[in-house]
C-alpha atoms as a PDB file:
ATOM      1  CA  MET A   1      60.878  80.827  34.732  1.00  0.00           C
ATOM      2  CA  SER A   2      58.847  81.798  31.535  1.00  0.00           C
ATOM      3  CA  ASP A   3      59.465  80.429  28.492  1.00  0.00           C
ATOM      4  CA  ARG A   4      57.488  83.322  26.345  1.00  0.00           C
ATOM      5  CA  LEU A   5      58.881  84.347  23.239  1.00  0.00           C
ATOM      6  CA  SER A   6      58.366  88.169  22.980  1.00  0.00           C
ATOM      7  CA  VAL A   7      56.504  89.718  19.799  1.00  0.00           C
ATOM      8  CA  ALA A   8      59.590  91.007  17.164  1.00  0.00           C
ATOM      9  CA  LYS A   9      58.332  94.177  15.910  1.00  0.00           C
ATOM     10  CA  THR A  10      58.151  94.419  12.006  1.00  0.00           C
ATOM     11  CA  TYR A  11      59.416  97.761  10.841  1.00  0.00           C
ATOM     12  CA  LYS A  12      57.173  99.255   7.794  1.00  0.00           C
ATOM     13  CA  LEU A  13      56.800 102.195   5.896  1.00  0.00           C
ATOM     14  CA  TYR A  14      53.865 105.256   6.729  1.00  0.00           C
ATOM     15  CA  ILE A  15      52.194 105.930   3.824  1.00  0.00           C
ATOM     16  CA  GLY A  16      48.695 107.699   3.794  1.00  0.00           C
ATOM     17  CA  GLY A  17      48.168 107.084   7.226  1.00  0.00           C
ATOM     18  CA  ALA A  18      48.874 103.211   6.906  1.00  0.00           C
ATOM     19  CA  PHE A  19      52.095 101.082   7.378  1.00  0.00           C
ATOM     20  CA  PRO A  20      52.329  99.049   4.289  1.00  0.00           C
ATOM     21  CA  ARG A  21      55.467  96.969   3.741  1.00  0.00           C
ATOM     22  CA  SER A  22      57.380  98.007   0.990  1.00  0.00           C
ATOM     23  CA  GLU A  23      56.373  96.549  -2.586  1.00  0.00           C
ATOM     24  CA  SER A  24      59.687  95.365  -3.415  1.00  0.00           C
ATOM     25  CA  GLY A  25      59.552  92.947  -0.383  1.00  0.00           C
ATOM     26  CA  ARG A  26      63.130  93.805   0.495  1.00  0.00           C
ATOM     27  CA  SER A  27      64.306  94.917   3.819  1.00  0.00           C
ATOM     28  CA  TYR A  28      67.925  95.974   5.217  1.00  0.00           C
ATOM     29  CA  PRO A  29      69.622  95.528   8.587  1.00  0.00           C
ATOM     30  CA  VAL A  30      69.971  98.512  10.910  1.00  0.00           C
ATOM     31  CA  ARG A  31      72.774  98.416  13.240  1.00  0.00           C
ATOM     32  CA  ASP A  32      74.293 100.545  16.180  1.00  0.00           C
ATOM     33  CA  ASN A  33      77.579 102.290  16.033  1.00  0.00           C
ATOM     34  CA  LYS A  34      79.453  99.023  17.091  1.00  0.00           C
ATOM     35  CA  GLY A  35      77.915  97.131  14.453  1.00  0.00           C
ATOM     36  CA  GLY A  36      75.480  95.341  16.167  1.00  0.00           C
ATOM     37  CA  PHE A  37      72.194  94.127  14.788  1.00  0.00           C
ATOM     38  CA  LEU A  38      69.338  96.307  15.994  1.00  0.00           C
ATOM     39  CA  ALA A  39      66.411  95.662  13.608  1.00  0.00           C
ATOM     40  CA  ASN A  40      65.388  94.943  10.076  1.00  0.00           C
ATOM     41  CA  ALA A  41      63.622  97.880   8.037  1.00  0.00           C
ATOM     42  CA  ALA A  42      61.610  98.064   5.009  1.00  0.00           C
ATOM     43  CA  GLN A  43      64.122  98.756   2.145  1.00  0.00           C
ATOM     44  CA  GLY A  44      61.753 101.237   0.232  1.00  0.00           C
ATOM     45  CA  SER A  45      61.621 101.407  -3.881  1.00  0.00           C
ATOM     46  CA  ARG A  46      60.565 103.580  -6.500  1.00  0.00           C
ATOM     47  CA  LYS A  47      56.697 102.549  -6.428  1.00  0.00           C
ATOM     48  CA  ASP A  48      56.642 103.177  -2.165  1.00  0.00           C
ATOM     49  CA  VAL A  49      58.064 106.818  -3.225  1.00  0.00           C
ATOM     50  CA  ARG A  50      55.164 107.128  -5.847  1.00  0.00           C
ATOM     51  CA  GLU A  51      52.605 105.932  -3.450  1.00  0.00           C
ATOM     52  CA  ALA A  52      53.615 108.189  -0.699  1.00  0.00           C
ATOM     53  CA  VAL A  53      53.716 111.220  -3.218  1.00  0.00           C
ATOM     54  CA  VAL A  54      50.205 110.372  -4.304  1.00  0.00           C
ATOM     55  CA  ALA A  55      48.947 110.255  -0.675  1.00  0.00           C
ATOM     56  CA  ALA A  56      50.529 113.712  -0.005  1.00  0.00           C
ATOM     57  CA  ARG A  57      48.897 115.099  -2.983  1.00  0.00           C
ATOM     58  CA  LYS A  58      45.516 113.712  -2.097  1.00  0.00           C
ATOM     59  CA  ALA A  59      46.201 114.963   2.008  1.00  0.00           C
ATOM     60  CA  PHE A  60      47.142 118.520   0.691  1.00  0.00           C
ATOM     61  CA  GLY A  61      43.937 120.542  -0.019  1.00  0.00           C
ATOM     62  CA  GLY A  62      42.399 119.430   3.230  1.00  0.00           C
ATOM     63  CA  TRP A  63      45.744 120.293   5.076  1.00  0.00           C
ATOM     64  CA  ALA A  64      46.298 123.536   3.508  1.00  0.00           C
ATOM     65  CA  ARG A  65      42.854 124.759   3.844  1.00  0.00           C
ATOM     66  CA  ALA A  66      42.831 123.732   7.795  1.00  0.00           C
ATOM     67  CA  THR A  67      42.753 127.031  10.032  1.00  0.00           C
ATOM     68  CA  ALA A  68      46.682 128.304  11.199  1.00  0.00           C
ATOM     69  CA  TYR A  69      45.110 127.964  14.799  1.00  0.00           C
ATOM     70  CA  ASN A  70      43.593 123.943  14.043  1.00  0.00           C
ATOM     71  CA  ARG A  71      47.155 123.228  12.363  1.00  0.00           C
ATOM     72  CA  GLY A  72      49.203 124.501  15.496  1.00  0.00           C
ATOM     73  CA  GLN A  73      46.535 122.637  17.962  1.00  0.00           C
ATOM     74  CA  VAL A  74      47.649 119.520  16.072  1.00  0.00           C
ATOM     75  CA  LEU A  75      51.064 119.879  15.719  1.00  0.00           C
ATOM     76  CA  TYR A  76      50.735 120.416  19.617  1.00  0.00           C
ATOM     77  CA  ARG A  77      49.078 117.137  20.442  1.00  0.00           C
ATOM     78  CA  VAL A  78      52.115 115.665  18.238  1.00  0.00           C
ATOM     79  CA  ALA A  79      54.351 116.868  20.935  1.00  0.00           C
ATOM     80  CA  GLU A  80      52.132 115.616  23.718  1.00  0.00           C
ATOM     81  CA  LEU A  81      52.614 111.987  22.204  1.00  0.00           C
ATOM     82  CA  LEU A  82      56.245 112.561  21.913  1.00  0.00           C
ATOM     83  CA  GLU A  83      56.733 113.464  25.607  1.00  0.00           C
ATOM     84  CA  GLY A  84      54.370 110.116  26.316  1.00  0.00           C
ATOM     85  CA  ARG A  85      57.070 108.181  24.494  1.00  0.00           C
ATOM     86  CA  ARG A  86      59.957 109.890  25.691  1.00  0.00           C
ATOM     87  CA  GLU A  87      61.869 106.621  27.269  1.00  0.00           C
ATOM     88  CA  GLN A  88      61.395 104.779  23.732  1.00  0.00           C
ATOM     89  CA  PHE A  89      62.866 107.662  22.010  1.00  0.00           C
ATOM     90  CA  ILE A  90      65.738 107.966  24.218  1.00  0.00           C
ATOM     91  CA  ALA A  91      66.310 104.359  24.077  1.00  0.00           C
ATOM     92  CA  GLU A  92      66.321 104.265  20.439  1.00  0.00           C
ATOM     93  CA  THR A  93      68.371 107.534  20.010  1.00  0.00           C
ATOM     94  CA  ALA A  94      70.792 106.059  21.967  1.00  0.00           C
ATOM     95  CA  ALA A  95      71.358 103.070  20.304  1.00  0.00           C
ATOM     96  CA  SER A  96      70.805 104.439  16.602  1.00  0.00           C
ATOM     97  CA  GLU A  97      73.422 107.581  17.620  1.00  0.00           C
ATOM     98  CA  GLY A  98      75.726 105.359  19.543  1.00  0.00           C
ATOM     99  CA  VAL A  99      75.629 108.168  22.424  1.00  0.00           C
ATOM    100  CA  ALA A 100      75.184 107.904  26.234  1.00  0.00           C
ATOM    101  CA  THR A 101      71.810 107.974  27.923  1.00  0.00           C
ATOM    102  CA  LYS A 102      72.153 111.352  29.300  1.00  0.00           C
ATOM    103  CA  LYS A 103      73.061 112.587  25.638  1.00  0.00           C
ATOM    104  CA  ALA A 104      70.186 110.762  24.040  1.00  0.00           C
ATOM    105  CA  GLN A 105      67.735 112.424  26.948  1.00  0.00           C
ATOM    106  CA  SER A 106      68.630 115.841  26.001  1.00  0.00           C
ATOM    107  CA  THR A 107      68.572 115.132  22.261  1.00  0.00           C
ATOM    108  CA  VAL A 108      64.941 113.959  22.637  1.00  0.00           C
ATOM    109  CA  ASP A 109      63.954 116.688  25.017  1.00  0.00           C
ATOM    110  CA  ALA A 110      65.290 119.326  22.562  1.00  0.00           C
ATOM    111  CA  ALA A 111      63.105 117.403  19.650  1.00  0.00           C
ATOM    112  CA  ILE A 112      59.763 117.850  21.440  1.00  0.00           C
ATOM    113  CA  ASP A 113      60.900 121.395  22.341  1.00  0.00           C
ATOM    114  CA  ARG A 114      61.533 122.010  18.970  1.00  0.00           C
ATOM    115  CA  TRP A 115      57.833 120.341  17.826  1.00  0.00           C
ATOM    116  CA  VAL A 116      56.277 122.363  20.156  1.00  0.00           C
ATOM    117  CA  TRP A 117      58.042 125.342  18.794  1.00  0.00           C
ATOM    118  CA  TYR A 118      56.907 125.544  15.198  1.00  0.00           C
ATOM    119  CA  ALA A 119      53.448 124.714  16.835  1.00  0.00           C
ATOM    120  CA  GLY A 120      53.437 128.037  18.319  1.00  0.00           C
ATOM    121  CA  TRP A 121      54.274 129.515  14.876  1.00  0.00           C
ATOM    122  CA  THR A 122      51.507 128.200  12.729  1.00  0.00           C
ATOM    123  CA  ASP A 123      49.113 131.241  13.276  1.00  0.00           C
ATOM    124  CA  LYS A 124      52.024 133.606  13.655  1.00  0.00           C
ATOM    125  CA  ILE A 125      53.724 133.256  10.166  1.00  0.00           C
ATOM    126  CA  ALA A 126      51.059 134.956   8.057  1.00  0.00           C
ATOM    127  CA  THR A 127      51.628 138.322  10.344  1.00  0.00           C
ATOM    128  CA  VAL A 128      55.571 138.169  10.297  1.00  0.00           C
ATOM    129  CA  LEU A 129      56.033 137.090   6.256  1.00  0.00           C
ATOM    130  CA  GLY A 130      52.652 139.112   4.865  1.00  0.00           C
ATOM    131  CA  ALA A 131      52.088 142.527   4.582  1.00  0.00           C
ATOM    132  CA  SER A 132      49.487 145.021   3.547  1.00  0.00           C
ATOM    133  CA  ASN A 133      50.612 147.066   0.734  1.00  0.00           C
ATOM    134  CA  PRO A 134      50.994 150.510   0.106  1.00  0.00           C
ATOM    135  CA  VAL A 135      48.941 151.446  -3.149  1.00  0.00           C
ATOM    136  CA  ALA A 136      48.494 154.648  -4.786  1.00  0.00           C
ATOM    137  CA  GLY A 137      44.617 154.002  -5.701  1.00  0.00           C
ATOM    138  CA  PRO A 138      41.658 153.276  -4.177  1.00  0.00           C
ATOM    139  CA  TYR A 139      42.623 149.344  -3.484  1.00  0.00           C
ATOM    140  CA  PHE A 140      43.826 147.639  -0.866  1.00  0.00           C
ATOM    141  CA  SER A 141      46.798 145.324  -1.611  1.00  0.00           C
ATOM    142  CA  PHE A 142      47.756 142.119   0.597  1.00  0.00           C
ATOM    143  CA  SER A 143      50.403 139.811   0.433  1.00  0.00           C
ATOM    144  CA  VAL A 144      50.019 136.289   2.320  1.00  0.00           C
ATOM    145  CA  PRO A 145      52.133 133.422   2.593  1.00  0.00           C
ATOM    146  CA  GLU A 146      50.623 130.267   1.327  1.00  0.00           C
ATOM    147  CA  PRO A 147      51.816 126.589   1.278  1.00  0.00           C
ATOM    148  CA  THR A 148      53.744 125.640  -1.681  1.00  0.00           C
ATOM    149  CA  GLY A 149      52.175 121.976  -1.797  1.00  0.00           C
ATOM    150  CA  VAL A 150      54.046 118.444  -1.611  1.00  0.00           C
ATOM    151  CA  VAL A 151      57.363 118.674  -0.550  1.00  0.00           C
ATOM    152  CA  GLY A 152      60.116 116.016  -0.442  1.00  0.00           C
ATOM    153  CA  VAL A 153      62.211 115.902   2.542  1.00  0.00           C
ATOM    154  CA  LEU A 154      65.733 114.231   2.504  1.00  0.00           C
ATOM    155  CA  ALA A 155      66.271 113.834   6.482  1.00  0.00           C
ATOM    156  CA  PRO A 156      69.585 114.336   7.759  1.00  0.00           C
ATOM    157  CA  GLN A 157      71.560 111.326   8.025  1.00  0.00           C
ATOM    158  CA  SER A 158      73.390 111.735  11.608  1.00  0.00           C
ATOM    159  CA  SER A 159      70.613 113.343  13.678  1.00  0.00           C
ATOM    160  CA  SER A 160      67.900 110.671  13.223  1.00  0.00           C
ATOM    161  CA  LEU A 161      65.188 112.586  15.865  1.00  0.00           C
ATOM    162  CA  LEU A 162      66.576 116.063  16.211  1.00  0.00           C
ATOM    163  CA  GLY A 163      67.416 116.704  12.831  1.00  0.00           C
ATOM    164  CA  LEU A 164      64.329 114.764  11.334  1.00  0.00           C
ATOM    165  CA  VAL A 165      61.750 116.997  13.527  1.00  0.00           C
ATOM    166  CA  SER A 166      63.627 120.299  12.546  1.00  0.00           C
ATOM    167  CA  VAL A 167      63.357 119.444   9.032  1.00  0.00           C
ATOM    168  CA  VAL A 168      59.401 118.032   8.814  1.00  0.00           C
ATOM    169  CA  ALA A 169      57.766 119.990  11.724  1.00  0.00           C
ATOM    170  CA  PRO A 170      58.342 123.687   9.637  1.00  0.00           C
ATOM    171  CA  VAL A 171      57.316 121.742   6.420  1.00  0.00           C
ATOM    172  CA  ILE A 172      53.828 120.630   7.636  1.00  0.00           C
ATOM    173  CA  ALA A 173      53.346 124.112  10.151  1.00  0.00           C
ATOM    174  CA  THR A 174      52.929 126.069   6.935  1.00  0.00           C
ATOM    175  CA  GLY A 175      50.511 123.674   5.457  1.00  0.00           C
ATOM    176  CA  ASN A 176      52.170 121.910   3.301  1.00  0.00           C
ATOM    177  CA  THR A 177      52.596 117.804   3.005  1.00  0.00           C
ATOM    178  CA  ALA A 178      55.778 115.738   2.979  1.00  0.00           C
ATOM    179  CA  VAL A 179      57.268 112.642   1.808  1.00  0.00           C
ATOM    180  CA  VAL A 180      60.333 111.979   4.009  1.00  0.00           C
ATOM    181  CA  ILE A 181      63.374 109.762   3.198  1.00  0.00           C
ATOM    182  CA  THR A 182      64.559 108.809   6.328  1.00  0.00           C
ATOM    183  CA  SER A 183      68.213 108.500   7.844  1.00  0.00           C
ATOM    184  CA  GLN A 184      69.550 105.647   5.875  1.00  0.00           C
ATOM    185  CA  GLU A 185      71.559 104.001   8.644  1.00  0.00           C
ATOM    186  CA  ARG A 186      69.498 105.447  11.743  1.00  0.00           C
ATOM    187  CA  PRO A 187      65.646 104.927  10.706  1.00  0.00           C
ATOM    188  CA  LEU A 188      64.184 103.663  13.693  1.00  0.00           C
ATOM    189  CA  PRO A 189      63.456 106.860  15.668  1.00  0.00           C
ATOM    190  CA  ALA A 190      61.904 108.146  12.156  1.00  0.00           C
ATOM    191  CA  ILE A 191      59.658 104.753  12.255  1.00  0.00           C
ATOM    192  CA  THR A 192      58.600 105.332  15.886  1.00  0.00           C
ATOM    193  CA  LEU A 193      57.763 109.143  14.857  1.00  0.00           C
ATOM    194  CA  SER A 194      55.541 107.743  12.085  1.00  0.00           C
ATOM    195  CA  GLU A 195      53.585 105.641  15.203  1.00  0.00           C
ATOM    196  CA  VAL A 196      53.179 108.927  17.024  1.00  0.00           C
ATOM    197  CA  LEU A 197      51.823 110.582  13.670  1.00  0.00           C
ATOM    198  CA  ALA A 198      49.154 108.028  13.040  1.00  0.00           C
ATOM    199  CA  THR A 199      47.929 107.858  16.736  1.00  0.00           C
ATOM    200  CA  SER A 200      47.704 111.842  16.458  1.00  0.00           C
ATOM    201  CA  ASP A 201      45.407 114.097  15.026  1.00  0.00           C
ATOM    202  CA  VAL A 202      47.862 114.539  12.188  1.00  0.00           C
ATOM    203  CA  PRO A 203      45.598 113.430   8.857  1.00  0.00           C
ATOM    204  CA  GLY A 204      46.708 110.669   6.830  1.00  0.00           C
ATOM    205  CA  GLY A 205      49.052 111.590   4.170  1.00  0.00           C
ATOM    206  CA  VAL A 206      50.066 114.685   5.603  1.00  0.00           C
ATOM    207  CA  VAL A 207      53.765 113.130   6.193  1.00  0.00           C
ATOM    208  CA  ASN A 208      54.813 110.381   4.733  1.00  0.00           C
ATOM    209  CA  ILE A 209      57.755 108.264   5.806  1.00  0.00           C
ATOM    210  CA  VAL A 210      59.791 106.057   3.631  1.00  0.00           C
ATOM    211  CA  THR A 211      62.781 104.310   5.005  1.00  0.00           C
ATOM    212  CA  GLY A 212      65.569 102.708   2.522  1.00  0.00           C
ATOM    213  CA  ARG A 213      68.534 103.679   0.562  1.00  0.00           C
ATOM    214  CA  THR A 214      69.032 107.405   0.232  1.00  0.00           C
ATOM    215  CA  ALA A 215      71.016 107.164  -3.084  1.00  0.00           C
ATOM    216  CA  GLU A 216      68.360 105.086  -4.563  1.00  0.00           C
ATOM    217  CA  LEU A 217      65.317 106.831  -3.812  1.00  0.00           C
ATOM    218  CA  ALA A 218      66.336 110.293  -3.552  1.00  0.00           C
ATOM    219  CA  PRO A 219      66.510 110.687  -7.588  1.00  0.00           C
ATOM    220  CA  TRP A 220      62.693 109.127  -7.648  1.00  0.00           C
ATOM    221  CA  LEU A 221      61.589 111.859  -5.468  1.00  0.00           C
ATOM    222  CA  ALA A 222      63.820 114.878  -7.154  1.00  0.00           C
ATOM    223  CA  SER A 223      62.435 114.053 -10.542  1.00  0.00           C
ATOM    224  CA  HIS A 224      58.783 113.457  -9.749  1.00  0.00           C
ATOM    225  CA  ALA A 225      56.712 115.872 -11.855  1.00  0.00           C
ATOM    226  CA  ASP A 226      54.149 116.145  -8.568  1.00  0.00           C
ATOM    227  CA  VAL A 227      56.827 117.138  -6.313  1.00  0.00           C
ATOM    228  CA  ASN A 228      57.085 120.803  -5.908  1.00  0.00           C
ATOM    229  CA  ALA A 229      59.547 121.571  -3.591  1.00  0.00           C
ATOM    230  CA  LEU A 230      62.963 119.452  -1.869  1.00  0.00           C
ATOM    231  CA  ASP A 231      64.809 119.771   1.095  1.00  0.00           C
ATOM    232  CA  LEU A 232      68.127 118.159   0.371  1.00  0.00           C
ATOM    233  CA  ALA A 233      69.429 118.526   4.326  1.00  0.00           C
ATOM    234  CA  GLY A 234      70.309 114.708   4.181  1.00  0.00           C
ATOM    235  CA  ALA A 235      71.392 114.336   0.411  1.00  0.00           C
ATOM    236  CA  PRO A 236      74.315 112.846  -0.274  1.00  0.00           C
ATOM    237  CA  GLU A 237      77.135 114.713  -0.740  1.00  0.00           C
ATOM    238  CA  ALA A 238      78.440 113.432  -4.326  1.00  0.00           C
ATOM    239  CA  MET A 239      74.530 113.571  -5.283  1.00  0.00           C
ATOM    240  CA  ARG A 240      73.157 117.331  -4.805  1.00  0.00           C
ATOM    241  CA  ALA A 241      74.363 118.850  -8.140  1.00  0.00           C
ATOM    242  CA  GLU A 242      72.415 115.460  -9.734  1.00  0.00           C
ATOM    243  CA  LEU A 243      69.433 115.997  -7.495  1.00  0.00           C
ATOM    244  CA  GLU A 244      69.356 119.706  -8.034  1.00  0.00           C
ATOM    245  CA  GLY A 245      69.568 119.385 -11.695  1.00  0.00           C
ATOM    246  CA  ALA A 246      66.437 116.684 -11.721  1.00  0.00           C
ATOM    247  CA  ALA A 247      64.452 119.277  -9.422  1.00  0.00           C
ATOM    248  CA  ALA A 248      64.899 121.994 -12.192  1.00  0.00           C
ATOM    249  CA  GLU A 249      63.697 119.935 -14.859  1.00  0.00           C
ATOM    250  CA  THR A 250      60.073 120.071 -13.117  1.00  0.00           C
ATOM    251  CA  VAL A 251      60.818 123.854 -11.624  1.00  0.00           C
ATOM    252  CA  LYS A 252      60.788 122.679  -7.537  1.00  0.00           C
ATOM    253  CA  ARG A 253      61.812 124.672  -5.188  1.00  0.00           C
ATOM    254  CA  VAL A 254      64.909 123.672  -3.621  1.00  0.00           C
ATOM    255  CA  LEU A 255      66.438 123.907  -0.119  1.00  0.00           C
ATOM    256  CA  ARG A 256      70.113 123.233  -0.533  1.00  0.00           C
ATOM    257  CA  ALA A 257      72.127 121.189   2.249  1.00  0.00           C
ATOM    258  CA  ARG A 258      74.988 122.542   3.874  1.00  0.00           C
ATOM    259  CA  ALA A 259      78.330 121.766   3.221  1.00  0.00           C
ATOM    260  CA  THR A 260      78.398 119.971   6.589  1.00  0.00           C
ATOM    261  CA  GLU A 261      75.450 118.883   8.725  1.00  0.00           C
ATOM    262  CA  PRO A 262      74.531 121.910  10.852  1.00  0.00           C
ATOM    263  CA  ASP A 263      74.392 121.436  14.422  1.00  0.00           C
ATOM    264  CA  TRP A 264      70.540 120.856  15.496  1.00  0.00           C
ATOM    265  CA  THR A 265      70.457 121.737  18.692  1.00  0.00           C
ATOM    266  CA  ALA A 266      71.153 125.499  18.028  1.00  0.00           C
ATOM    267  CA  GLN A 267      68.157 127.652  18.210  1.00  0.00           C
ATOM    268  CA  PRO A 268      66.257 127.593  15.006  1.00  0.00           C
ATOM    269  CA  ASP A 269      65.121 130.582  13.110  1.00  0.00           C
ATOM    270  CA  ILE A 270      61.891 130.892  10.316  1.00  0.00           C
ATOM    271  CA  SER A 271      63.927 130.130   7.452  1.00  0.00           C
ATOM    272  CA  ARG A 272      62.637 126.744   6.936  1.00  0.00           C
ATOM    273  CA  LEU A 273      59.226 128.199   7.653  1.00  0.00           C
ATOM    274  CA  ARG A 274      59.759 130.614   4.827  1.00  0.00           C
ATOM    275  CA  ALA A 275      61.267 128.107   2.517  1.00  0.00           C
ATOM    276  CA  PHE A 276      58.159 126.443   1.258  1.00  0.00           C
ATOM    277  CA  VAL A 277      55.312 129.382   0.933  1.00  0.00           C
ATOM    278  CA  GLU A 278      55.016 131.058  -1.685  1.00  0.00           C
ATOM    279  CA  THR A 279      53.444 134.881  -1.439  1.00  0.00           C
ATOM    280  CA  LYS A 280      50.020 135.544  -2.845  1.00  0.00           C
ATOM    281  CA  THR A 281      49.381 139.150  -3.190  1.00  0.00           C
ATOM    282  CA  VAL A 282      45.607 139.899  -3.738  1.00  0.00           C
ATOM    283  CA  TRP A 283      43.941 143.468  -4.688  1.00  0.00           C
ATOM    284  CA  HIS A 284      40.437 144.454  -3.655  1.00  0.00           C
ATOM    285  CA  PRO A 285      39.043 147.700  -4.195  1.00  0.00           C
ATOM    286  CA  MET A 286      37.856 150.198  -1.343  1.00  0.00           C
ATOM    287  CA  GLY A 287      34.222 150.468  -0.261  1.00  0.00           C
ATOM    288  CA  VAL A 288      32.902 154.068  -0.726  1.00  0.00           C
END
């Protein structure tokens, strides 16, 4: 009989393509739906959020300039790696959300398919949202969607993987970079997703994942002057007006949360792709 001790996993943040510990040195226990201990997660701080924003801003230029086809290939590679770690995601989703294995399997499969769906939109969204405008003169006029910039994402609280994928994938599919505050009580699938991102072709800083207390971290993200947009999907209901007000002070684009968390298994549309793009109109004289 082996007396070997297994190697305990240390759950960390994911910032700039690396896995730092929280500068605060804090952690908090993650429990299943019955109160059983699962792990200790890093409890991120204001400084961690600031570092994540710096990393996202640094990565934005290169990611926004990448061709839409290239972004699609990168996102598809993430789906491949998600498929390769399917069993781990099933186990973590079942433990985190307190669902049966069969339900967790369905959720993980939907999350992988959702990532593929958004990967397919990267080189099509410009055609759908862009236009060649009619002009009464010797000019061409084109309207083209461009990424907004750095997007702060408050991940859904209940749907720890499918909901997370449903809000993160459309942000980066259109060329934005993201700072994600995970589900407070169910962060483990998000941490494993960060490991997938780190071993995929997604450049460091394109997605940054911070675990911790949502009510503590969200105001710093909402008020940060270098964050261009905010997705309030997982914002506590009592804080939503406050966060919108903080975002308004720095003229952020805000995607409001629904009154109740949506059914993430429903077929998505392009509304989340549309939410974080700006329309640029270009005029050019016609040749003779």
